[in-house]
Amino acid sequence: MITGKTFFTAAIVITSVSAFSQKSDPFSPDFGKAPKREGMTLVWHEEFNYSGKPDPSVWVYEKGFVRNEELQWYQAENANCKNGVLLIEGRKEKVRNPQYVAGSREWQKNREFAEYTSASIQTRGHRQWQFGSFEIRARIDTSCGAWPAIWTLGVKKEWPLNGEIDIMEFYRTKIGPTILANFAWGTAKKWVAKWDDLRKPLADFTAIDNQWTKKFHIWRMDWTSDSISLFIDDQLLNSTLLSQTINPDGSNPFLQPHYFLLNMAIGGNGGDPSHSEFPLKYEVDYVRVYQKK
């Protein structure tokens, strides 16, 4: 989600994971209980089956202009739980920037107003995990301008030395609307990451299922002390060996706890939103974390 990427794809090992296939109605939220997984314990889950704001004992909000020179102003008002999902809305609305400084060269200060709003929530300081199987069921908005993401960051060191895992990103690339699954860690240059990216055209999914964008899908991360693998609906997208994700200082950002972030940016890599229909809607049905017993 934090950009500045070079394109690099790790070798992908074909894996059979049919045991986790989605069985619920793909067009609707799943109100069923989290299933048991053999040899694993459900250590935490957020089903969003309530009305109102996301649980404040778990989720905290980012606010304002945050990263990547995106267009949206992040605010808590755009994240709400209803009808069995966390709904993050991207809205076309004008919000005054209290940090505005006329003539400033800083992108977070040189805009008097934001023309769009959205939300970004995270579990930092409340929930964090090291290793396990992480499942997130969501329906993403693929309108031009939308940049939804499911990602994690390590709790220690600054980015990218802390490590970033993009379980899901969607935005515009040179190949058009794209689903991404990424890993990032540190280089010798401050705030410059080493990226292991997987970019798959949205058209690859919609060619098989023309209703794909209207459905919920399950993104999954399987994380061990040796490797991390990222899936969508049981299809392996990207995998990396932790023996290769070493920071210049010798630390490994994926051998420490990480916390979750759920957000939808507008603009930036998402593209020009000016002709899209608003509000943009990003729906998260649940987040589930399993670990070995």
C-alpha atoms as a PDB file:
ATOM      1  CA  MET A   1       0.000   0.000   0.000  1.00  0.00           C
ATOM      2  CA  ILE A   2       2.940   2.311   0.609  1.00  0.00           C
ATOM      3  CA  THR A   3       4.322   2.813  -2.866  1.00  0.00           C
ATOM      4  CA  GLY A   4       7.662   3.183  -4.568  1.00  0.00           C
ATOM      5  CA  LYS A   5       7.756  -0.323  -6.001  1.00  0.00           C
ATOM      6  CA  THR A   6       9.941  -2.123  -8.488  1.00  0.00           C
ATOM      7  CA  PHE A   7       8.298  -5.063 -10.208  1.00  0.00           C
ATOM      8  CA  PHE A   8       9.535  -8.445  -9.002  1.00  0.00           C
ATOM      9  CA  THR A   9       7.581 -11.707  -8.814  1.00  0.00           C
ATOM     10  CA  ALA A  10       8.614 -14.548  -6.533  1.00  0.00           C
ATOM     11  CA  ALA A  11       8.460 -18.112  -7.747  1.00  0.00           C
ATOM     12  CA  ILE A  12       5.032 -19.532  -7.040  1.00  0.00           C
ATOM     13  CA  VAL A  13       4.542 -23.095  -5.902  1.00  0.00           C
ATOM     14  CA  ILE A  14       1.247 -24.666  -6.934  1.00  0.00           C
ATOM     15  CA  THR A  15      -0.613 -25.677  -3.795  1.00  0.00           C
ATOM     16  CA  SER A  16      -3.877 -27.491  -3.280  1.00  0.00           C
ATOM     17  CA  VAL A  17      -6.101 -25.661  -0.808  1.00  0.00           C
ATOM     18  CA  SER A  18      -9.571 -26.829  -1.810  1.00  0.00           C
ATOM     19  CA  ALA A  19     -10.469 -27.398   1.834  1.00  0.00           C
ATOM     20  CA  PHE A  20     -11.040 -23.658   2.270  1.00  0.00           C
ATOM     21  CA  SER A  21     -13.386 -23.098  -0.694  1.00  0.00           C
ATOM     22  CA  GLN A  22     -16.083 -20.481  -0.293  1.00  0.00           C
ATOM     23  CA  LYS A  23     -19.470 -22.130   0.244  1.00  0.00           C
ATOM     24  CA  SER A  24     -21.734 -19.227   1.214  1.00  0.00           C
ATOM     25  CA  ASP A  25     -23.767 -17.038  -1.149  1.00  0.00           C
ATOM     26  CA  PRO A  26     -21.067 -14.992  -2.907  1.00  0.00           C
ATOM     27  CA  PHE A  27     -23.417 -12.014  -3.350  1.00  0.00           C
ATOM     28  CA  SER A  28     -24.271 -11.650   0.354  1.00  0.00           C
ATOM     29  CA  PRO A  29     -22.575 -11.345   3.733  1.00  0.00           C
ATOM     30  CA  ASP A  30     -21.886 -14.640   5.489  1.00  0.00           C
ATOM     31  CA  PHE A  31     -23.548 -14.719   8.912  1.00  0.00           C
ATOM     32  CA  GLY A  32     -22.332 -18.244   9.680  1.00  0.00           C
ATOM     33  CA  LYS A  33     -19.900 -19.082  12.441  1.00  0.00           C
ATOM     34  CA  ALA A  34     -16.210 -19.260  11.681  1.00  0.00           C
ATOM     35  CA  PRO A  35     -15.492 -22.900  10.770  1.00  0.00           C
ATOM     36  CA  LYS A  36     -13.074 -25.059  12.713  1.00  0.00           C
ATOM     37  CA  ARG A  37      -9.718 -25.742  11.074  1.00  0.00           C
ATOM     38  CA  GLU A  38      -7.961 -29.022  11.775  1.00  0.00           C
ATOM     39  CA  GLY A  39      -4.896 -28.531  13.936  1.00  0.00           C
ATOM     40  CA  MET A  40      -5.605 -24.815  14.344  1.00  0.00           C
ATOM     41  CA  THR A  41      -7.325 -22.516  16.816  1.00  0.00           C
ATOM     42  CA  LEU A  42      -9.401 -19.463  15.952  1.00  0.00           C
ATOM     43  CA  VAL A  43      -7.446 -16.947  18.059  1.00  0.00           C
ATOM     44  CA  TRP A  44      -9.352 -13.832  16.975  1.00  0.00           C
ATOM     45  CA  HIS A  45     -12.126 -12.865  14.619  1.00  0.00           C
ATOM     46  CA  GLU A  46     -14.128  -9.773  13.707  1.00  0.00           C
ATOM     47  CA  GLU A  47     -17.439 -10.570  12.006  1.00  0.00           C
ATOM     48  CA  PHE A  48     -18.822  -6.986  11.878  1.00  0.00           C
ATOM     49  CA  ASN A  49     -22.301  -8.362  12.686  1.00  0.00           C
ATOM     50  CA  TYR A  50     -23.433  -5.247  14.543  1.00  0.00           C
ATOM     51  CA  SER A  51     -24.518  -1.716  13.729  1.00  0.00           C
ATOM     52  CA  GLY A  52     -22.502   1.416  14.358  1.00  0.00           C
ATOM     53  CA  LYS A  53     -18.803   2.173  14.490  1.00  0.00           C
ATOM     54  CA  PRO A  54     -16.142  -0.559  14.337  1.00  0.00           C
ATOM     55  CA  ASP A  55     -15.296  -1.881  17.807  1.00  0.00           C
ATOM     56  CA  PRO A  56     -13.144   0.884  19.390  1.00  0.00           C
ATOM     57  CA  SER A  57     -11.344  -1.664  21.582  1.00  0.00           C
ATOM     58  CA  VAL A  58      -9.858  -3.111  18.391  1.00  0.00           C
ATOM     59  CA  TRP A  59      -9.907  -0.552  15.570  1.00  0.00           C
ATOM     60  CA  VAL A  60      -8.336   2.897  15.402  1.00  0.00           C
ATOM     61  CA  TYR A  61      -8.627   5.446  12.591  1.00  0.00           C
ATOM     62  CA  GLU A  62      -6.134   7.225  10.413  1.00  0.00           C
ATOM     63  CA  LYS A  63      -6.988  10.870   9.842  1.00  0.00           C
ATOM     64  CA  GLY A  64      -6.319  13.428   7.147  1.00  0.00           C
ATOM     65  CA  PHE A  65      -3.887  13.243   4.233  1.00  0.00           C
ATOM     66  CA  VAL A  66      -1.720  10.249   5.167  1.00  0.00           C
ATOM     67  CA  ARG A  67       0.358   8.752   2.321  1.00  0.00           C
ATOM     68  CA  ASN A  68       1.160   8.518  -1.388  1.00  0.00           C
ATOM     69  CA  GLU A  69      -0.207  12.002  -2.224  1.00  0.00           C
ATOM     70  CA  GLU A  70      -3.679  10.473  -2.513  1.00  0.00           C
ATOM     71  CA  LEU A  71      -6.802  12.584  -2.962  1.00  0.00           C
ATOM     72  CA  GLN A  72      -8.905  11.458  -0.008  1.00  0.00           C
ATOM     73  CA  TRP A  73      -9.178  12.889   3.476  1.00  0.00           C
ATOM     74  CA  TYR A  74      -9.373   9.967   5.905  1.00  0.00           C
ATOM     75  CA  GLN A  75     -12.037  10.323   8.586  1.00  0.00           C
ATOM     76  CA  ALA A  76     -13.935   8.063  10.966  1.00  0.00           C
ATOM     77  CA  GLU A  77     -17.322   9.033   9.525  1.00  0.00           C
ATOM     78  CA  ASN A  78     -16.722   6.882   6.422  1.00  0.00           C
ATOM     79  CA  ALA A  79     -16.345   3.550   8.274  1.00  0.00           C
ATOM     80  CA  ASN A  80     -19.542   1.995   9.621  1.00  0.00           C
ATOM     81  CA  CYS A  81     -20.861  -1.471  10.398  1.00  0.00           C
ATOM     82  CA  LYS A  82     -24.284  -2.397   9.056  1.00  0.00           C
ATOM     83  CA  ASN A  83     -26.049  -5.292   7.359  1.00  0.00           C
ATOM     84  CA  GLY A  84     -23.304  -7.688   8.406  1.00  0.00           C
ATOM     85  CA  VAL A  85     -20.320  -5.856   6.926  1.00  0.00           C
ATOM     86  CA  LEU A  86     -17.846  -3.107   7.609  1.00  0.00           C
ATOM     87  CA  LEU A  87     -18.703  -0.538   4.942  1.00  0.00           C
ATOM     88  CA  ILE A  88     -15.932   1.859   3.984  1.00  0.00           C
ATOM     89  CA  GLU A  89     -17.331   4.573   1.740  1.00  0.00           C
ATOM     90  CA  GLY A  90     -15.430   6.845  -0.582  1.00  0.00           C
ATOM     91  CA  ARG A  91     -17.411  10.054  -0.884  1.00  0.00           C
ATOM     92  CA  LYS A  92     -17.136  13.054  -3.143  1.00  0.00           C
ATOM     93  CA  GLU A  93     -17.340  15.848  -0.597  1.00  0.00           C
ATOM     94  CA  LYS A  94     -15.314  18.928   0.217  1.00  0.00           C
ATOM     95  CA  VAL A  95     -13.448  19.004   3.527  1.00  0.00           C
ATOM     96  CA  ARG A  96     -11.234  21.823   4.759  1.00  0.00           C
ATOM     97  CA  ASN A  97      -7.616  20.897   5.474  1.00  0.00           C
ATOM     98  CA  PRO A  98      -6.669  22.367   8.874  1.00  0.00           C
ATOM     99  CA  GLN A  99      -2.972  21.905   8.048  1.00  0.00           C
ATOM    100  CA  TYR A 100      -3.197  24.108   4.945  1.00  0.00           C
ATOM    101  CA  VAL A 101      -0.301  26.512   4.442  1.00  0.00           C
ATOM    102  CA  ALA A 102      -0.464  28.738   1.366  1.00  0.00           C
ATOM    103  CA  GLY A 103       2.554  28.194  -0.870  1.00  0.00           C
ATOM    104  CA  SER A 104       3.759  25.102   0.986  1.00  0.00           C
ATOM    105  CA  ARG A 105       5.696  22.506  -0.985  1.00  0.00           C
ATOM    106  CA  GLU A 106       4.481  19.725   1.287  1.00  0.00           C
ATOM    107  CA  TRP A 107       1.631  17.795  -0.321  1.00  0.00           C
ATOM    108  CA  GLN A 108      -0.179  17.381   2.989  1.00  0.00           C
ATOM    109  CA  LYS A 109      -0.235  21.154   3.505  1.00  0.00           C
ATOM    110  CA  ASN A 110      -0.568  22.754   0.058  1.00  0.00           C
ATOM    111  CA  ARG A 111      -4.219  21.807  -0.531  1.00  0.00           C
ATOM    112  CA  GLU A 112      -6.745  24.011   1.225  1.00  0.00           C
ATOM    113  CA  PHE A 113      -9.485  21.441   0.703  1.00  0.00           C
ATOM    114  CA  ALA A 114      -9.847  17.725   0.089  1.00  0.00           C
ATOM    115  CA  GLU A 115     -12.404  16.940  -2.593  1.00  0.00           C
ATOM    116  CA  TYR A 116     -12.916  13.328  -1.466  1.00  0.00           C
ATOM    117  CA  THR A 117     -13.200  11.455   1.843  1.00  0.00           C
ATOM    118  CA  SER A 118     -12.729   7.826   2.832  1.00  0.00           C
ATOM    119  CA  ALA A 119     -11.642   5.733   5.825  1.00  0.00           C
ATOM    120  CA  SER A 120      -8.674   3.693   6.954  1.00  0.00           C
ATOM    121  CA  ILE A 121      -8.838   1.580  10.108  1.00  0.00           C
ATOM    122  CA  GLN A 122      -6.168  -0.513  11.786  1.00  0.00           C
ATOM    123  CA  THR A 123      -5.575  -2.736  14.817  1.00  0.00           C
ATOM    124  CA  ARG A 124      -2.272  -1.105  15.800  1.00  0.00           C
ATOM    125  CA  GLY A 125      -1.812  -1.076  19.552  1.00  0.00           C
ATOM    126  CA  HIS A 126      -4.810  -3.378  20.078  1.00  0.00           C
ATOM    127  CA  ARG A 127      -4.332  -6.598  18.104  1.00  0.00           C
ATOM    128  CA  GLN A 128      -1.212  -8.034  16.516  1.00  0.00           C
ATOM    129  CA  TRP A 129      -0.140 -11.515  15.434  1.00  0.00           C
ATOM    130  CA  GLN A 130       2.909 -13.490  14.358  1.00  0.00           C
ATOM    131  CA  PHE A 131       2.276 -16.507  12.080  1.00  0.00           C
ATOM    132  CA  GLY A 132      -1.037 -18.176  11.293  1.00  0.00           C
ATOM    133  CA  SER A 133      -3.719 -18.353   8.637  1.00  0.00           C
ATOM    134  CA  PHE A 134      -5.585 -15.090   8.075  1.00  0.00           C
ATOM    135  CA  GLU A 135      -8.879 -14.991   6.162  1.00  0.00           C
ATOM    136  CA  ILE A 136     -10.640 -11.832   5.018  1.00  0.00           C
ATOM    137  CA  ARG A 137     -13.880 -11.934   3.049  1.00  0.00           C
ATOM    138  CA  ALA A 138     -14.601  -8.732   1.158  1.00  0.00           C
ATOM    139  CA  ARG A 139     -16.289  -7.179  -1.861  1.00  0.00           C
ATOM    140  CA  ILE A 140     -14.211  -4.463  -3.475  1.00  0.00           C
ATOM    141  CA  ASP A 141     -15.150  -1.461  -5.584  1.00  0.00           C
ATOM    142  CA  THR A 142     -13.318  -1.525  -8.921  1.00  0.00           C
ATOM    143  CA  SER A 143     -14.415   1.929 -10.108  1.00  0.00           C
ATOM    144  CA  CYS A 144     -11.743   4.194 -11.518  1.00  0.00           C
ATOM    145  CA  GLY A 145     -10.137   6.015  -8.608  1.00  0.00           C
ATOM    146  CA  ALA A 146     -10.753   3.270  -6.039  1.00  0.00           C
ATOM    147  CA  TRP A 147      -7.729   1.795  -4.251  1.00  0.00           C
ATOM    148  CA  PRO A 148      -8.987  -0.708  -1.624  1.00  0.00           C
ATOM    149  CA  ALA A 149      -6.494  -2.742   0.391  1.00  0.00           C
ATOM    150  CA  ILE A 150      -6.060  -5.413   3.060  1.00  0.00           C
ATOM    151  CA  TRP A 151      -2.558  -5.230   4.491  1.00  0.00           C
ATOM    152  CA  THR A 152      -0.307  -5.622   7.509  1.00  0.00           C
ATOM    153  CA  LEU A 153       2.685  -3.793   8.952  1.00  0.00           C
ATOM    154  CA  GLY A 154       5.246  -4.936  11.513  1.00  0.00           C
ATOM    155  CA  VAL A 155       5.174  -3.366  14.951  1.00  0.00           C
ATOM    156  CA  LYS A 156       8.907  -2.553  15.177  1.00  0.00           C
ATOM    157  CA  LYS A 157      11.088  -0.240  13.067  1.00  0.00           C
ATOM    158  CA  GLU A 158      10.021   2.387  10.524  1.00  0.00           C
ATOM    159  CA  TRP A 159       8.746   1.539   7.036  1.00  0.00           C
ATOM    160  CA  PRO A 160       9.901  -0.452   5.138  1.00  0.00           C
ATOM    161  CA  LEU A 161      12.215  -2.063   7.697  1.00  0.00           C
ATOM    162  CA  ASN A 162       9.103  -3.090   9.641  1.00  0.00           C
ATOM    163  CA  GLY A 163       7.830  -5.131   6.688  1.00  0.00           C
ATOM    164  CA  GLU A 164       4.616  -4.804   4.703  1.00  0.00           C
ATOM    165  CA  ILE A 165       2.302  -7.559   3.477  1.00  0.00           C
ATOM    166  CA  ASP A 166      -0.377  -6.557   0.978  1.00  0.00           C
ATOM    167  CA  ILE A 167      -2.847  -9.420   1.230  1.00  0.00           C
ATOM    168  CA  MET A 168      -4.989  -7.520  -1.277  1.00  0.00           C
ATOM    169  CA  GLU A 169      -4.590  -4.359  -3.274  1.00  0.00           C
ATOM    170  CA  PHE A 170      -6.601  -3.212  -6.260  1.00  0.00           C
ATOM    171  CA  TYR A 171      -5.613  -0.305  -8.474  1.00  0.00           C
ATOM    172  CA  ARG A 172      -4.676   0.763 -11.997  1.00  0.00           C
ATOM    173  CA  THR A 173      -1.300  -0.302 -13.415  1.00  0.00           C
ATOM    174  CA  LYS A 174       0.160  -0.357 -16.929  1.00  0.00           C
ATOM    175  CA  ILE A 175      -1.836  -3.523 -17.566  1.00  0.00           C
ATOM    176  CA  GLY A 176      -5.105  -1.848 -16.493  1.00  0.00           C
ATOM    177  CA  PRO A 177      -7.256  -2.637 -13.430  1.00  0.00           C
ATOM    178  CA  THR A 178      -5.133  -5.019 -11.375  1.00  0.00           C
ATOM    179  CA  ILE A 179      -5.275  -7.283  -8.333  1.00  0.00           C
ATOM    180  CA  LEU A 180      -1.985  -7.262  -6.402  1.00  0.00           C
ATOM    181  CA  ALA A 181      -0.401  -9.437  -3.709  1.00  0.00           C
ATOM    182  CA  ASN A 182       2.859  -8.004  -2.370  1.00  0.00           C
ATOM    183  CA  PHE A 183       5.655  -8.207   0.168  1.00  0.00           C
ATOM    184  CA  ALA A 184       8.045  -5.377   1.036  1.00  0.00           C
ATOM    185  CA  TRP A 185      11.088  -5.065   3.263  1.00  0.00           C
ATOM    186  CA  GLY A 186      14.034  -2.739   3.709  1.00  0.00           C
ATOM    187  CA  THR A 187      16.948  -1.663   1.540  1.00  0.00           C
ATOM    188  CA  ALA A 188      20.075   0.330   2.318  1.00  0.00           C
ATOM    189  CA  LYS A 189      18.245   3.500   1.257  1.00  0.00           C
ATOM    190  CA  LYS A 190      15.901   5.130   3.770  1.00  0.00           C
ATOM    191  CA  TRP A 191      12.182   4.716   2.915  1.00  0.00           C
ATOM    192  CA  VAL A 192      12.960   2.683  -0.219  1.00  0.00           C
ATOM    193  CA  ALA A 193      11.589  -0.860  -0.176  1.00  0.00           C
ATOM    194  CA  LYS A 194      12.536  -4.110  -1.825  1.00  0.00           C
ATOM    195  CA  TRP A 195       9.310  -5.360  -3.377  1.00  0.00           C
ATOM    196  CA  ASP A 196       8.138  -8.831  -4.316  1.00  0.00           C
ATOM    197  CA  ASP A 197       4.996  -8.007  -6.331  1.00  0.00           C
ATOM    198  CA  LEU A 198       2.385 -10.150  -8.019  1.00  0.00           C
ATOM    199  CA  ARG A 199       0.125  -8.261 -10.432  1.00  0.00           C
ATOM    200  CA  LYS A 200      -2.817 -10.061 -12.011  1.00  0.00           C
ATOM    201  CA  PRO A 201      -5.200  -8.275 -14.402  1.00  0.00           C
ATOM    202  CA  LEU A 202      -8.767  -7.990 -13.172  1.00  0.00           C
ATOM    203  CA  ALA A 203      -9.737  -9.132 -16.677  1.00  0.00           C
ATOM    204  CA  ASP A 204      -8.318 -12.588 -15.883  1.00  0.00           C
ATOM    205  CA  PHE A 205     -11.018 -12.982 -13.231  1.00  0.00           C
ATOM    206  CA  THR A 206     -13.908 -11.335 -15.091  1.00  0.00           C
ATOM    207  CA  ALA A 207     -13.213 -13.362 -18.241  1.00  0.00           C
ATOM    208  CA  ILE A 208     -14.038 -16.482 -16.236  1.00  0.00           C
ATOM    209  CA  ASP A 209     -16.865 -14.917 -14.187  1.00  0.00           C
ATOM    210  CA  ASN A 210     -18.585 -11.790 -15.489  1.00  0.00           C
ATOM    211  CA  GLN A 211     -20.188 -11.336 -12.044  1.00  0.00           C
ATOM    212  CA  TRP A 212     -16.830 -11.305 -10.272  1.00  0.00           C
ATOM    213  CA  THR A 213     -16.903  -7.644  -9.251  1.00  0.00           C
ATOM    214  CA  LYS A 214     -20.356  -8.060  -7.696  1.00  0.00           C
ATOM    215  CA  LYS A 215     -19.277 -10.890  -5.407  1.00  0.00           C
ATOM    216  CA  PHE A 216     -17.524 -11.294  -2.083  1.00  0.00           C
ATOM    217  CA  HIS A 217     -14.157 -13.060  -2.285  1.00  0.00           C
ATOM    218  CA  ILE A 218     -11.874 -14.623   0.310  1.00  0.00           C
ATOM    219  CA  TRP A 219      -8.330 -13.356   0.554  1.00  0.00           C
ATOM    220  CA  ARG A 220      -6.059 -15.554   2.657  1.00  0.00           C
ATOM    221  CA  MET A 221      -2.529 -15.354   4.029  1.00  0.00           C
ATOM    222  CA  ASP A 222      -0.736 -18.459   5.313  1.00  0.00           C
ATOM    223  CA  TRP A 223       2.296 -17.317   7.329  1.00  0.00           C
ATOM    224  CA  THR A 224       4.885 -19.598   8.926  1.00  0.00           C
ATOM    225  CA  SER A 225       8.437 -19.084  10.164  1.00  0.00           C
ATOM    226  CA  ASP A 226       9.654 -20.223   6.725  1.00  0.00           C
ATOM    227  CA  SER A 227       7.326 -18.616   4.188  1.00  0.00           C
ATOM    228  CA  ILE A 228       4.246 -16.504   3.498  1.00  0.00           C
ATOM    229  CA  SER A 229       1.689 -17.347   0.813  1.00  0.00           C
ATOM    230  CA  LEU A 230      -1.180 -15.155  -0.408  1.00  0.00           C
ATOM    231  CA  PHE A 231      -4.374 -16.509  -1.972  1.00  0.00           C
ATOM    232  CA  ILE A 232      -7.665 -15.354  -3.437  1.00  0.00           C
ATOM    233  CA  ASP A 233     -10.523 -17.872  -3.384  1.00  0.00           C
ATOM    234  CA  ASP A 234      -7.945 -20.651  -2.896  1.00  0.00           C
ATOM    235  CA  GLN A 235      -5.899 -19.517  -5.906  1.00  0.00           C
ATOM    236  CA  LEU A 236      -2.258 -18.939  -4.975  1.00  0.00           C
ATOM    237  CA  LEU A 237      -1.161 -15.483  -6.079  1.00  0.00           C
ATOM    238  CA  ASN A 238       2.249 -14.982  -4.490  1.00  0.00           C
ATOM    239  CA  SER A 239       4.624 -16.681  -2.102  1.00  0.00           C
ATOM    240  CA  THR A 240       7.929 -15.656  -0.558  1.00  0.00           C
ATOM    241  CA  LEU A 241      10.581 -17.426   1.495  1.00  0.00           C
ATOM    242  CA  LEU A 242      11.556 -15.635   4.685  1.00  0.00           C
ATOM    243  CA  SER A 243      15.159 -16.637   4.112  1.00  0.00           C
ATOM    244  CA  GLN A 244      15.106 -13.991   1.360  1.00  0.00           C
ATOM    245  CA  THR A 245      13.385 -11.124   3.202  1.00  0.00           C
ATOM    246  CA  ILE A 246      16.320  -9.812   5.201  1.00  0.00           C
ATOM    247  CA  ASN A 247      16.810  -6.140   5.988  1.00  0.00           C
ATOM    248  CA  PRO A 248      20.298  -4.594   5.584  1.00  0.00           C
ATOM    249  CA  ASP A 249      20.691  -4.595   9.381  1.00  0.00           C
ATOM    250  CA  GLY A 250      20.154  -8.371   9.430  1.00  0.00           C
ATOM    251  CA  SER A 251      16.654  -8.263  10.917  1.00  0.00           C
ATOM    252  CA  ASN A 252      13.701 -10.016   9.324  1.00  0.00           C
ATOM    253  CA  PRO A 253      10.503  -7.921   9.349  1.00  0.00           C
ATOM    254  CA  PHE A 254       8.324 -11.015   8.960  1.00  0.00           C
ATOM    255  CA  LEU A 255       9.623 -12.645  12.131  1.00  0.00           C
ATOM    256  CA  GLN A 256       7.767 -10.184  14.336  1.00  0.00           C
ATOM    257  CA  PRO A 257       4.091  -9.451  15.050  1.00  0.00           C
ATOM    258  CA  HIS A 258       2.076  -7.496  12.475  1.00  0.00           C
ATOM    259  CA  TYR A 259      -1.167  -5.537  12.739  1.00  0.00           C
ATOM    260  CA  PHE A 260      -4.032  -5.202  10.222  1.00  0.00           C
ATOM    261  CA  LEU A 261      -5.046  -2.242   8.089  1.00  0.00           C
ATOM    262  CA  LEU A 262      -8.265  -1.991   6.055  1.00  0.00           C
ATOM    263  CA  ASN A 263      -8.659   1.078   3.873  1.00  0.00           C
ATOM    264  CA  MET A 264      -9.807   2.490   0.567  1.00  0.00           C
ATOM    265  CA  ALA A 265      -7.718   5.276  -0.896  1.00  0.00           C
ATOM    266  CA  ILE A 266      -8.945   7.464  -3.762  1.00  0.00           C
ATOM    267  CA  GLY A 267      -6.784   8.675  -6.607  1.00  0.00           C
ATOM    268  CA  GLY A 268      -3.060   8.032  -6.755  1.00  0.00           C
ATOM    269  CA  ASN A 269      -2.545   4.568  -8.220  1.00  0.00           C
ATOM    270  CA  GLY A 270      -6.322   4.146  -8.127  1.00  0.00           C
ATOM    271  CA  GLY A 271      -6.690   6.460 -11.102  1.00  0.00           C
ATOM    272  CA  ASP A 272      -8.827   9.508 -11.833  1.00  0.00           C
ATOM    273  CA  PRO A 273     -12.103   9.327  -9.890  1.00  0.00           C
ATOM    274  CA  SER A 274     -13.691  12.396 -11.472  1.00  0.00           C
ATOM    275  CA  HIS A 275     -16.031  10.403 -13.747  1.00  0.00           C
ATOM    276  CA  SER A 276     -16.868   7.595 -11.296  1.00  0.00           C
ATOM    277  CA  GLU A 277     -20.199   7.219  -9.555  1.00  0.00           C
ATOM    278  CA  PHE A 278     -20.052   7.962  -5.821  1.00  0.00           C
ATOM    279  CA  PRO A 279     -20.107   6.774  -3.140  1.00  0.00           C
ATOM    280  CA  LEU A 280     -17.481   4.110  -3.738  1.00  0.00           C
ATOM    281  CA  LYS A 281     -18.162   1.070  -1.545  1.00  0.00           C
ATOM    282  CA  TYR A 282     -15.691  -1.358  -0.013  1.00  0.00           C
ATOM    283  CA  GLU A 283     -17.355  -4.051   2.117  1.00  0.00           C
ATOM    284  CA  VAL A 284     -15.491  -6.300   4.547  1.00  0.00           C
ATOM    285  CA  ASP A 285     -17.540  -9.244   5.776  1.00  0.00           C
ATOM    286  CA  TYR A 286     -15.104 -10.658   8.308  1.00  0.00           C
ATOM    287  CA  VAL A 287     -11.473 -10.980   9.417  1.00  0.00           C
ATOM    288  CA  ARG A 288     -10.427 -14.314  10.968  1.00  0.00           C
ATOM    289  CA  VAL A 289      -7.078 -15.365  12.411  1.00  0.00           C
ATOM    290  CA  TYR A 290      -6.171 -19.018  12.975  1.00  0.00           C
ATOM    291  CA  GLN A 291      -2.960 -20.290  14.561  1.00  0.00           C
ATOM    292  CA  LYS A 292      -1.551 -23.750  15.144  1.00  0.00           C
ATOM    293  CA  LYS A 293      -2.574 -25.333  18.426  1.00  0.00           C
END
